[in-house]
Amino acid sequence: MVVPAYCRTASGRVFRLLRSSELIAPDRIRFVLRAQSIDATESHELACELDTEFIRDKIANRQAIPTPETTFEDLWSKLKSELGAQDGG
């Protein structure tokens, strides 16, 4: 799955999807996916924070680590459901 640049809800509302990530502490990364309506009257946001120690442990144990793209895809799946629920569907 790929996070699109825009989405349309079942009721026809159109949103632009904006991604951002930032280091919020020496050991925390915050990923944010925001859906902003084209007319800028409505905005929805989901965020996920990852602990860098968690990622280092996974690397040390030769386990798969969540990539930024995977993290945004997970956020997109949740945000899409949230927007659909607001449309009543």
C-alpha atoms as a PDB file:
ATOM      1  CA  MET A   1       0.000   0.000   0.000  1.00  0.00           C
ATOM      2  CA  VAL A   2       1.171   3.506  -0.747  1.00  0.00           C
ATOM      3  CA  VAL A   3       0.006   6.633   1.058  1.00  0.00           C
ATOM      4  CA  PRO A   4      -1.604   8.842  -1.617  1.00  0.00           C
ATOM      5  CA  ALA A   5      -1.146  12.606  -1.808  1.00  0.00           C
ATOM      6  CA  TYR A   6      -4.933  13.166  -1.819  1.00  0.00           C
ATOM      7  CA  CYS A   7      -7.994  11.168  -0.825  1.00  0.00           C
ATOM      8  CA  ARG A   8     -11.739  11.431  -1.372  1.00  0.00           C
ATOM      9  CA  THR A   9     -14.229  10.168   1.190  1.00  0.00           C
ATOM     10  CA  ALA A  10     -17.450   8.353   0.322  1.00  0.00           C
ATOM     11  CA  SER A  11     -19.368  11.607   0.788  1.00  0.00           C
ATOM     12  CA  GLY A  12     -17.067  13.407  -1.668  1.00  0.00           C
ATOM     13  CA  ARG A  13     -14.897  15.386   0.752  1.00  0.00           C
ATOM     14  CA  VAL A  14     -11.340  15.784  -0.571  1.00  0.00           C
ATOM     15  CA  PHE A  15      -8.289  15.862   1.689  1.00  0.00           C
ATOM     16  CA  ARG A  16      -4.610  16.480   1.091  1.00  0.00           C
ATOM     17  CA  LEU A  17      -2.394  14.093   3.068  1.00  0.00           C
ATOM     18  CA  LEU A  18       0.685  15.601   4.666  1.00  0.00           C
ATOM     19  CA  ARG A  19       3.459  13.543   6.218  1.00  0.00           C
ATOM     20  CA  SER A  20       6.065  14.686   8.689  1.00  0.00           C
ATOM     21  CA  SER A  21       8.580  13.130  11.034  1.00  0.00           C
ATOM     22  CA  GLU A  22      10.823  14.645  13.640  1.00  0.00           C
ATOM     23  CA  LEU A  23      13.183  13.726  16.407  1.00  0.00           C
ATOM     24  CA  ILE A  24      11.322  14.947  19.499  1.00  0.00           C
ATOM     25  CA  ALA A  25      13.922  13.798  22.023  1.00  0.00           C
ATOM     26  CA  PRO A  26      17.316  12.139  21.723  1.00  0.00           C
ATOM     27  CA  ASP A  27      15.588   8.755  21.844  1.00  0.00           C
ATOM     28  CA  ARG A  28      12.103   9.414  20.342  1.00  0.00           C
ATOM     29  CA  ILE A  29      10.903   9.800  16.763  1.00  0.00           C
ATOM     30  CA  ARG A  30       7.415  11.143  15.996  1.00  0.00           C
ATOM     31  CA  PHE A  31       5.641  10.368  12.718  1.00  0.00           C
ATOM     32  CA  VAL A  32       2.547  12.436  11.863  1.00  0.00           C
ATOM     33  CA  LEU A  33       0.020  11.951   9.072  1.00  0.00           C
ATOM     34  CA  ARG A  34      -2.420  14.838   8.649  1.00  0.00           C
ATOM     35  CA  ALA A  35      -5.462  14.963   6.383  1.00  0.00           C
ATOM     36  CA  GLN A  36      -6.348  18.562   5.591  1.00  0.00           C
ATOM     37  CA  SER A  37      -9.432  19.449   3.593  1.00  0.00           C
ATOM     38  CA  ILE A  38      -8.796  21.282   0.347  1.00  0.00           C
ATOM     39  CA  ASP A  39     -10.670  24.345   1.635  1.00  0.00           C
ATOM     40  CA  ALA A  40      -8.616  24.187   4.877  1.00  0.00           C
ATOM     41  CA  THR A  41     -11.722  24.101   7.069  1.00  0.00           C
ATOM     42  CA  GLU A  42     -11.151  20.603   8.421  1.00  0.00           C
ATOM     43  CA  SER A  43      -8.095  18.714   9.608  1.00  0.00           C
ATOM     44  CA  HIS A  44      -7.503  15.250  11.060  1.00  0.00           C
ATOM     45  CA  GLU A  45      -4.205  14.007  12.442  1.00  0.00           C
ATOM     46  CA  LEU A  46      -2.748  10.732  13.647  1.00  0.00           C
ATOM     47  CA  ALA A  47       0.699  10.301  15.147  1.00  0.00           C
ATOM     48  CA  CYS A  48       2.997   7.494  16.161  1.00  0.00           C
ATOM     49  CA  GLU A  49       6.098   7.716  18.326  1.00  0.00           C
ATOM     50  CA  LEU A  50       8.924   5.215  18.210  1.00  0.00           C
ATOM     51  CA  ASP A  51      11.621   4.683  20.779  1.00  0.00           C
ATOM     52  CA  THR A  52      15.058   4.443  19.158  1.00  0.00           C
ATOM     53  CA  GLU A  53      16.072   1.842  21.770  1.00  0.00           C
ATOM     54  CA  PHE A  54      13.261  -0.368  20.464  1.00  0.00           C
ATOM     55  CA  ILE A  55      14.705  -0.071  16.964  1.00  0.00           C
ATOM     56  CA  ARG A  56      18.257  -0.750  18.156  1.00  0.00           C
ATOM     57  CA  ASP A  57      17.068  -3.889  19.988  1.00  0.00           C
ATOM     58  CA  LYS A  58      15.369  -5.164  16.851  1.00  0.00           C
ATOM     59  CA  ILE A  59      18.540  -4.579  14.836  1.00  0.00           C
ATOM     60  CA  ALA A  60      20.684  -6.317  17.470  1.00  0.00           C
ATOM     61  CA  ASN A  61      18.332  -9.322  17.422  1.00  0.00           C
ATOM     62  CA  ARG A  62      18.232  -9.380  13.611  1.00  0.00           C
ATOM     63  CA  GLN A  63      14.500  -8.635  13.517  1.00  0.00           C
ATOM     64  CA  ALA A  64      12.625  -6.544  10.973  1.00  0.00           C
ATOM     65  CA  ILE A  65      12.366  -2.879  11.903  1.00  0.00           C
ATOM     66  CA  PRO A  66       9.472  -0.620  10.959  1.00  0.00           C
ATOM     67  CA  THR A  67      10.463   1.635   8.071  1.00  0.00           C
ATOM     68  CA  PRO A  68       9.125   5.189   7.851  1.00  0.00           C
ATOM     69  CA  GLU A  69       7.020   4.138   4.844  1.00  0.00           C
ATOM     70  CA  THR A  70       5.496   1.231   6.787  1.00  0.00           C
ATOM     71  CA  THR A  71       4.752   3.532   9.711  1.00  0.00           C
ATOM     72  CA  PHE A  72       2.973   6.036   7.429  1.00  0.00           C
ATOM     73  CA  GLU A  73       1.036   3.201   5.750  1.00  0.00           C
ATOM     74  CA  ASP A  74      -0.199   2.042   9.175  1.00  0.00           C
ATOM     75  CA  LEU A  75      -1.228   5.604  10.036  1.00  0.00           C
ATOM     76  CA  TRP A  76      -2.960   5.929   6.648  1.00  0.00           C
ATOM     77  CA  SER A  77      -4.966   2.759   7.254  1.00  0.00           C
ATOM     78  CA  LYS A  78      -6.213   4.126  10.596  1.00  0.00           C
ATOM     79  CA  LEU A  79      -6.858   7.632   9.242  1.00  0.00           C
ATOM     80  CA  LYS A  80      -8.792   6.261   6.256  1.00  0.00           C
ATOM     81  CA  SER A  81     -11.023   4.320   8.657  1.00  0.00           C
ATOM     82  CA  GLU A  82     -11.526   7.413  10.800  1.00  0.00           C
ATOM     83  CA  LEU A  83     -12.523   9.550   7.809  1.00  0.00           C
ATOM     84  CA  GLY A  84     -14.864   6.814   6.571  1.00  0.00           C
ATOM     85  CA  ALA A  85     -16.510   6.544   9.991  1.00  0.00           C
ATOM     86  CA  GLN A  86     -17.227  10.279   9.946  1.00  0.00           C
ATOM     87  CA  ASP A  87     -19.005   9.816   6.627  1.00  0.00           C
ATOM     88  CA  GLY A  88     -21.189   7.196   8.231  1.00  0.00           C
ATOM     89  CA  GLY A  89     -19.656   4.349   6.273  1.00  0.00           C
END
